[in-house]
């Protein structure tokens, strides 16, 4: 009766284990990047809603500049002409429409 494992069997098992761990780590890294972009998009959406509420409450234009793009609201809460647009976070986009609606696609 044979007891234990040969060195070759142990090396094969360890090799498979390392392969599975490396695949899992790669998937985890891409998942983390996806979650981070989702959080950035949601944070920007919340900040834009905050700026829109501030513009409405103070009765004066309010906005912010993100990634070189200016997004501004008028005192009525609508986007100022030319100050609306889309900011891309892979795979999401935060869109400020010309009527002042903020959404994530």
N, C-alpha and C. Protein backbone atom coordinates (compact mmCIF):
# COMPACT_ATOMS: atom_id res chain seq x y z
N UNK A 1 0.84 -1.17 0.00
CA UNK A 1 0.00 0.00 0.00
C UNK A 1 0.89 1.25 0.00
N UNK A 2 0.55 2.18 -0.90
CA UNK A 2 1.35 3.39 -1.06
C UNK A 2 0.75 4.51 -0.24
N UNK A 3 1.58 5.26 0.48
CA UNK A 3 1.11 6.38 1.28
C UNK A 3 1.80 7.65 0.80
N UNK A 4 1.02 8.76 0.81
CA UNK A 4 1.60 10.05 0.44
C UNK A 4 1.50 10.31 -1.05
N UNK A 5 2.16 11.38 -1.47
CA UNK A 5 2.11 11.81 -2.86
C UNK A 5 3.52 11.93 -3.39
N UNK A 6 3.65 11.77 -4.70
CA UNK A 6 4.97 11.95 -5.30
C UNK A 6 5.22 13.44 -5.49
N UNK A 7 6.46 13.78 -5.75
CA UNK A 7 6.84 15.17 -5.96
C UNK A 7 6.14 15.73 -7.21
N UNK A 8 6.00 14.94 -8.22
CA UNK A 8 5.35 15.38 -9.46
C UNK A 8 3.87 15.70 -9.18
N UNK A 9 3.20 14.85 -8.45
CA UNK A 9 1.80 15.11 -8.12
C UNK A 9 1.65 16.41 -7.32
N UNK A 10 2.50 16.63 -6.36
CA UNK A 10 2.46 17.85 -5.57
C UNK A 10 2.72 19.08 -6.43
N UNK A 11 3.69 19.00 -7.34
CA UNK A 11 4.00 20.13 -8.21
C UNK A 11 2.83 20.44 -9.15
N UNK A 12 2.15 19.42 -9.64
CA UNK A 12 0.99 19.64 -10.50
C UNK A 12 -0.12 20.34 -9.72
N UNK A 13 -0.40 19.91 -8.53
CA UNK A 13 -1.44 20.51 -7.70
C UNK A 13 -1.08 21.96 -7.35
N UNK A 14 0.15 22.20 -6.97
CA UNK A 14 0.58 23.55 -6.64
C UNK A 14 0.51 24.44 -7.89
N UNK A 15 0.93 23.92 -9.04
CA UNK A 15 0.86 24.68 -10.29
C UNK A 15 -0.57 25.06 -10.65
N UNK A 16 -1.50 24.12 -10.51
CA UNK A 16 -2.91 24.42 -10.77
C UNK A 16 -3.45 25.45 -9.78
N UNK A 17 -3.05 25.33 -8.54
CA UNK A 17 -3.48 26.28 -7.51
C UNK A 17 -2.99 27.70 -7.86
N UNK A 18 -1.74 27.82 -8.24
CA UNK A 18 -1.18 29.13 -8.62
C UNK A 18 -1.91 29.68 -9.85
N UNK A 19 -2.22 28.84 -10.81
CA UNK A 19 -2.94 29.27 -12.01
C UNK A 19 -4.33 29.80 -11.64
N UNK A 20 -5.05 29.10 -10.82
CA UNK A 20 -6.39 29.54 -10.41
C UNK A 20 -6.33 30.83 -9.60
N UNK A 21 -5.36 30.96 -8.73
CA UNK A 21 -5.22 32.18 -7.93
C UNK A 21 -4.90 33.36 -8.84
N UNK A 22 -4.02 33.18 -9.81
CA UNK A 22 -3.68 34.29 -10.72
C UNK A 22 -4.88 34.70 -11.56
N UNK A 23 -5.70 33.76 -12.00
CA UNK A 23 -6.91 34.10 -12.75
C UNK A 23 -7.91 34.84 -11.85
N UNK A 24 -8.04 34.39 -10.63
CA UNK A 24 -8.96 35.06 -9.70
C UNK A 24 -8.48 36.46 -9.38
N UNK A 25 -7.19 36.64 -9.21
CA UNK A 25 -6.64 37.96 -8.91
C UNK A 25 -6.86 38.92 -10.08
N UNK A 26 -6.69 38.43 -11.29
CA UNK A 26 -6.92 39.26 -12.48
C UNK A 26 -8.39 39.69 -12.56
N UNK A 27 -9.29 38.78 -12.31
CA UNK A 27 -10.72 39.10 -12.33
C UNK A 27 -11.06 40.07 -11.21
N UNK A 28 -10.48 39.90 -10.07
CA UNK A 28 -10.73 40.78 -8.93
C UNK A 28 -10.23 42.19 -9.22
N UNK A 29 -9.09 42.29 -9.88
CA UNK A 29 -8.54 43.60 -10.22
C UNK A 29 -9.46 44.35 -11.20
N UNK A 30 -9.96 43.67 -12.22
CA UNK A 30 -10.87 44.33 -13.17
C UNK A 30 -12.21 44.66 -12.51
N UNK A 31 -12.67 43.81 -11.60
CA UNK A 31 -13.91 44.08 -10.88
C UNK A 31 -13.75 45.30 -9.98
N UNK A 32 -12.59 45.42 -9.35
CA UNK A 32 -12.32 46.59 -8.50
C UNK A 32 -12.31 47.87 -9.31
N UNK A 33 -11.72 47.84 -10.49
CA UNK A 33 -11.70 49.02 -11.36
C UNK A 33 -13.11 49.39 -11.79
N UNK A 34 -13.94 48.40 -12.08
CA UNK A 34 -15.33 48.66 -12.46
C UNK A 34 -16.10 49.30 -11.31
N UNK A 35 -15.94 48.78 -10.11
CA UNK A 35 -16.64 49.33 -8.95
C UNK A 35 -16.15 50.75 -8.67
N UNK A 36 -14.86 50.99 -8.82
CA UNK A 36 -14.32 52.32 -8.57
C UNK A 36 -14.90 53.34 -9.57
N UNK A 37 -15.02 52.96 -10.84
CA UNK A 37 -15.60 53.89 -11.81
C UNK A 37 -17.08 54.12 -11.54
N UNK A 38 -17.77 53.09 -11.07
CA UNK A 38 -19.19 53.24 -10.70
C UNK A 38 -19.32 54.24 -9.54
N UNK A 39 -18.44 54.12 -8.56
CA UNK A 39 -18.49 55.03 -7.41
C UNK A 39 -18.16 56.46 -7.82
N UNK A 40 -17.20 56.63 -8.72
CA UNK A 40 -16.87 57.97 -9.19
C UNK A 40 -18.04 58.60 -9.93
N UNK A 41 -18.70 57.82 -10.78
CA UNK A 41 -19.85 58.34 -11.52
C UNK A 41 -20.98 58.71 -10.57
N UNK A 42 -21.24 57.87 -9.59
CA UNK A 42 -22.31 58.15 -8.62
C UNK A 42 -21.96 59.37 -7.77
N UNK A 43 -20.71 59.50 -7.39
CA UNK A 43 -20.28 60.65 -6.61
C UNK A 43 -20.44 61.95 -7.41
N UNK A 44 -20.09 61.92 -8.69
CA UNK A 44 -20.26 63.10 -9.53
C UNK A 44 -21.74 63.44 -9.70
N UNK A 45 -22.56 62.43 -9.87
CA UNK A 45 -24.00 62.67 -10.00
C UNK A 45 -24.55 63.34 -8.74
N UNK A 46 -24.14 62.83 -7.59
CA UNK A 46 -24.60 63.41 -6.32
C UNK A 46 -24.10 64.84 -6.16
N UNK A 47 -22.86 65.10 -6.54
CA UNK A 47 -22.32 66.45 -6.43
C UNK A 47 -23.03 67.41 -7.38
N UNK A 48 -23.37 66.94 -8.56
CA UNK A 48 -24.11 67.80 -9.50
C UNK A 48 -25.50 68.12 -8.95
N UNK A 49 -26.17 67.14 -8.35
CA UNK A 49 -27.47 67.41 -7.73
C UNK A 49 -27.32 68.41 -6.59
N UNK A 50 -26.24 68.29 -5.83
CA UNK A 50 -25.98 69.22 -4.75
C UNK A 50 -25.78 70.64 -5.29
N UNK A 51 -25.00 70.77 -6.36
CA UNK A 51 -24.77 72.09 -6.95
C UNK A 51 -26.06 72.66 -7.55
N UNK A 52 -26.88 71.81 -8.11
CA UNK A 52 -28.16 72.27 -8.66
C UNK A 52 -29.06 72.79 -7.54
N UNK A 53 -29.11 72.07 -6.42
CA UNK A 53 -29.91 72.51 -5.28
C UNK A 53 -29.37 73.83 -4.71
N UNK A 54 -28.05 73.96 -4.68
CA UNK A 54 -27.44 75.19 -4.20
C UNK A 54 -27.79 76.37 -5.12
N UNK A 55 -27.78 76.14 -6.43
CA UNK A 55 -28.13 77.21 -7.38
C UNK A 55 -29.59 77.63 -7.17
N UNK A 56 -30.46 76.67 -6.96
CA UNK A 56 -31.88 76.99 -6.73
C UNK A 56 -32.08 77.72 -5.41
N UNK A 57 -31.41 77.29 -4.36
CA UNK A 57 -31.64 77.89 -3.04
C UNK A 57 -31.03 79.29 -2.93
N UNK A 58 -29.87 79.50 -3.54
CA UNK A 58 -29.22 80.81 -3.44
C UNK A 58 -29.67 81.77 -4.54
N UNK A 59 -30.27 81.22 -5.59
CA UNK A 59 -30.72 82.06 -6.69
C UNK A 59 -29.59 82.62 -7.53
N UNK A 60 -28.48 81.88 -7.59
CA UNK A 60 -27.34 82.32 -8.41
C UNK A 60 -26.70 81.10 -9.07
N UNK A 61 -26.04 81.31 -10.20
CA UNK A 61 -25.43 80.17 -10.91
C UNK A 61 -24.42 79.44 -10.04
N UNK A 62 -24.36 78.13 -10.21
CA UNK A 62 -23.44 77.30 -9.43
C UNK A 62 -23.07 76.09 -10.28
N UNK A 63 -21.85 75.65 -10.17
CA UNK A 63 -21.42 74.49 -10.93
C UNK A 63 -20.04 74.03 -10.52
N UNK A 64 -19.45 73.19 -11.36
CA UNK A 64 -18.11 72.70 -11.10
C UNK A 64 -17.43 72.33 -12.40
N UNK A 65 -16.13 72.19 -12.34
CA UNK A 65 -15.34 71.78 -13.50
C UNK A 65 -14.75 70.41 -13.21
N UNK A 66 -15.01 69.47 -14.11
CA UNK A 66 -14.52 68.10 -13.95
C UNK A 66 -13.87 67.68 -15.26
N UNK A 67 -12.65 67.19 -15.16
CA UNK A 67 -11.92 66.69 -16.33
C UNK A 67 -11.89 67.73 -17.45
N UNK A 68 -11.73 69.00 -17.09
CA UNK A 68 -11.66 70.06 -18.07
C UNK A 68 -12.98 70.49 -18.66
N UNK A 69 -14.07 69.92 -18.17
CA UNK A 69 -15.39 70.27 -18.67
C UNK A 69 -16.16 71.02 -17.60
N UNK A 70 -16.72 72.16 -17.97
CA UNK A 70 -17.49 72.97 -17.02
C UNK A 70 -18.96 72.58 -17.09
N UNK A 71 -19.51 72.26 -15.93
CA UNK A 71 -20.93 71.92 -15.82
C UNK A 71 -21.55 72.92 -14.85
N UNK A 72 -22.44 73.78 -15.34
CA UNK A 72 -23.01 74.83 -14.51
C UNK A 72 -24.52 74.86 -14.61
N UNK A 73 -25.14 75.27 -13.50
CA UNK A 73 -26.59 75.44 -13.41
C UNK A 73 -26.91 76.91 -13.26
N UNK A 74 -27.99 77.34 -13.89
CA UNK A 74 -28.46 78.71 -13.71
C UNK A 74 -29.23 78.80 -12.40
N UNK A 75 -29.67 80.00 -12.05
CA UNK A 75 -30.42 80.19 -10.81
C UNK A 75 -31.73 79.43 -10.83
N UNK A 76 -32.24 79.09 -12.00
CA UNK A 76 -33.49 78.33 -12.09
C UNK A 76 -33.27 76.83 -12.04
N UNK A 77 -32.00 76.39 -11.96
CA UNK A 77 -31.70 74.96 -11.87
C UNK A 77 -31.48 74.29 -13.20
N UNK A 78 -31.62 75.04 -14.30
CA UNK A 78 -31.36 74.49 -15.63
C UNK A 78 -29.89 74.65 -15.96
N UNK A 79 -29.40 73.82 -16.86
CA UNK A 79 -28.01 73.94 -17.28
C UNK A 79 -27.84 75.23 -18.08
N UNK A 80 -26.75 75.92 -17.85
CA UNK A 80 -26.45 77.13 -18.61
C UNK A 80 -26.05 76.68 -20.01
N UNK A 81 -26.58 77.35 -21.06
CA UNK A 81 -26.23 76.95 -22.44
C UNK A 81 -24.72 76.86 -22.64
N UNK A 82 -24.30 75.73 -23.18
CA UNK A 82 -22.88 75.49 -23.41
C UNK A 82 -22.16 74.92 -22.20
N UNK A 83 -22.84 74.79 -21.07
CA UNK A 83 -22.20 74.30 -19.85
C UNK A 83 -22.83 72.97 -19.40
N UNK A 84 -23.35 72.21 -20.36
CA UNK A 84 -23.85 70.87 -20.07
C UNK A 84 -22.98 69.90 -20.86
N UNK A 85 -23.16 68.62 -20.65
CA UNK A 85 -22.38 67.65 -21.42
C UNK A 85 -22.27 66.32 -20.74
N UNK A 86 -21.31 65.54 -21.20
CA UNK A 86 -21.12 64.17 -20.75
C UNK A 86 -19.69 64.00 -20.23
N UNK A 87 -19.57 63.34 -19.09
CA UNK A 87 -18.26 62.97 -18.56
C UNK A 87 -18.22 61.45 -18.49
N UNK A 88 -17.21 60.86 -19.09
CA UNK A 88 -17.14 59.40 -19.20
C UNK A 88 -16.28 58.80 -18.11
N UNK A 89 -16.84 57.79 -17.45
CA UNK A 89 -16.12 56.92 -16.53
C UNK A 89 -16.37 55.53 -17.09
N UNK A 90 -15.33 54.83 -17.50
CA UNK A 90 -15.55 53.53 -18.12
C UNK A 90 -16.19 52.59 -17.12
N UNK A 91 -17.26 51.93 -17.40
CA UNK A 91 -18.06 51.93 -18.61
C UNK A 91 -19.25 52.89 -18.54
N UNK A 92 -19.32 53.72 -17.53
CA UNK A 92 -20.46 54.61 -17.31
C UNK A 92 -20.21 56.01 -17.84
N UNK A 93 -21.30 56.75 -18.04
CA UNK A 93 -21.23 58.16 -18.42
C UNK A 93 -22.18 58.93 -17.52
N UNK A 94 -21.73 60.08 -17.03
CA UNK A 94 -22.58 60.99 -16.29
C UNK A 94 -22.98 62.09 -17.26
N UNK A 95 -24.28 62.28 -17.43
CA UNK A 95 -24.79 63.21 -18.43
C UNK A 95 -25.58 64.31 -17.74
N UNK A 96 -25.21 65.55 -18.04
CA UNK A 96 -25.98 66.72 -17.62
C UNK A 96 -26.66 67.25 -18.86
N UNK A 97 -27.99 67.10 -18.94
CA UNK A 97 -28.70 67.54 -20.13
C UNK A 97 -28.91 69.04 -20.08
N UNK A 98 -29.31 69.60 -21.19
CA UNK A 98 -29.48 71.05 -21.28
C UNK A 98 -30.64 71.56 -20.43
N UNK A 99 -31.54 70.68 -20.01
CA UNK A 99 -32.66 71.09 -19.15
C UNK A 99 -32.33 70.91 -17.67
N UNK A 100 -31.11 70.45 -17.37
CA UNK A 100 -30.68 70.33 -15.98
C UNK A 100 -30.84 68.96 -15.39
N UNK A 101 -31.20 67.98 -16.17
CA UNK A 101 -31.36 66.62 -15.65
C UNK A 101 -29.99 65.94 -15.61
N UNK A 102 -29.70 65.29 -14.50
CA UNK A 102 -28.43 64.56 -14.33
C UNK A 102 -28.75 63.09 -14.28
N UNK A 103 -28.05 62.31 -15.11
CA UNK A 103 -28.29 60.86 -15.11
C UNK A 103 -27.01 60.11 -15.41
N UNK A 104 -27.01 58.82 -15.07
CA UNK A 104 -25.89 57.93 -15.34
C UNK A 104 -26.36 56.89 -16.34
N UNK A 105 -25.59 56.71 -17.39
CA UNK A 105 -25.89 55.67 -18.38
C UNK A 105 -24.79 54.65 -18.39
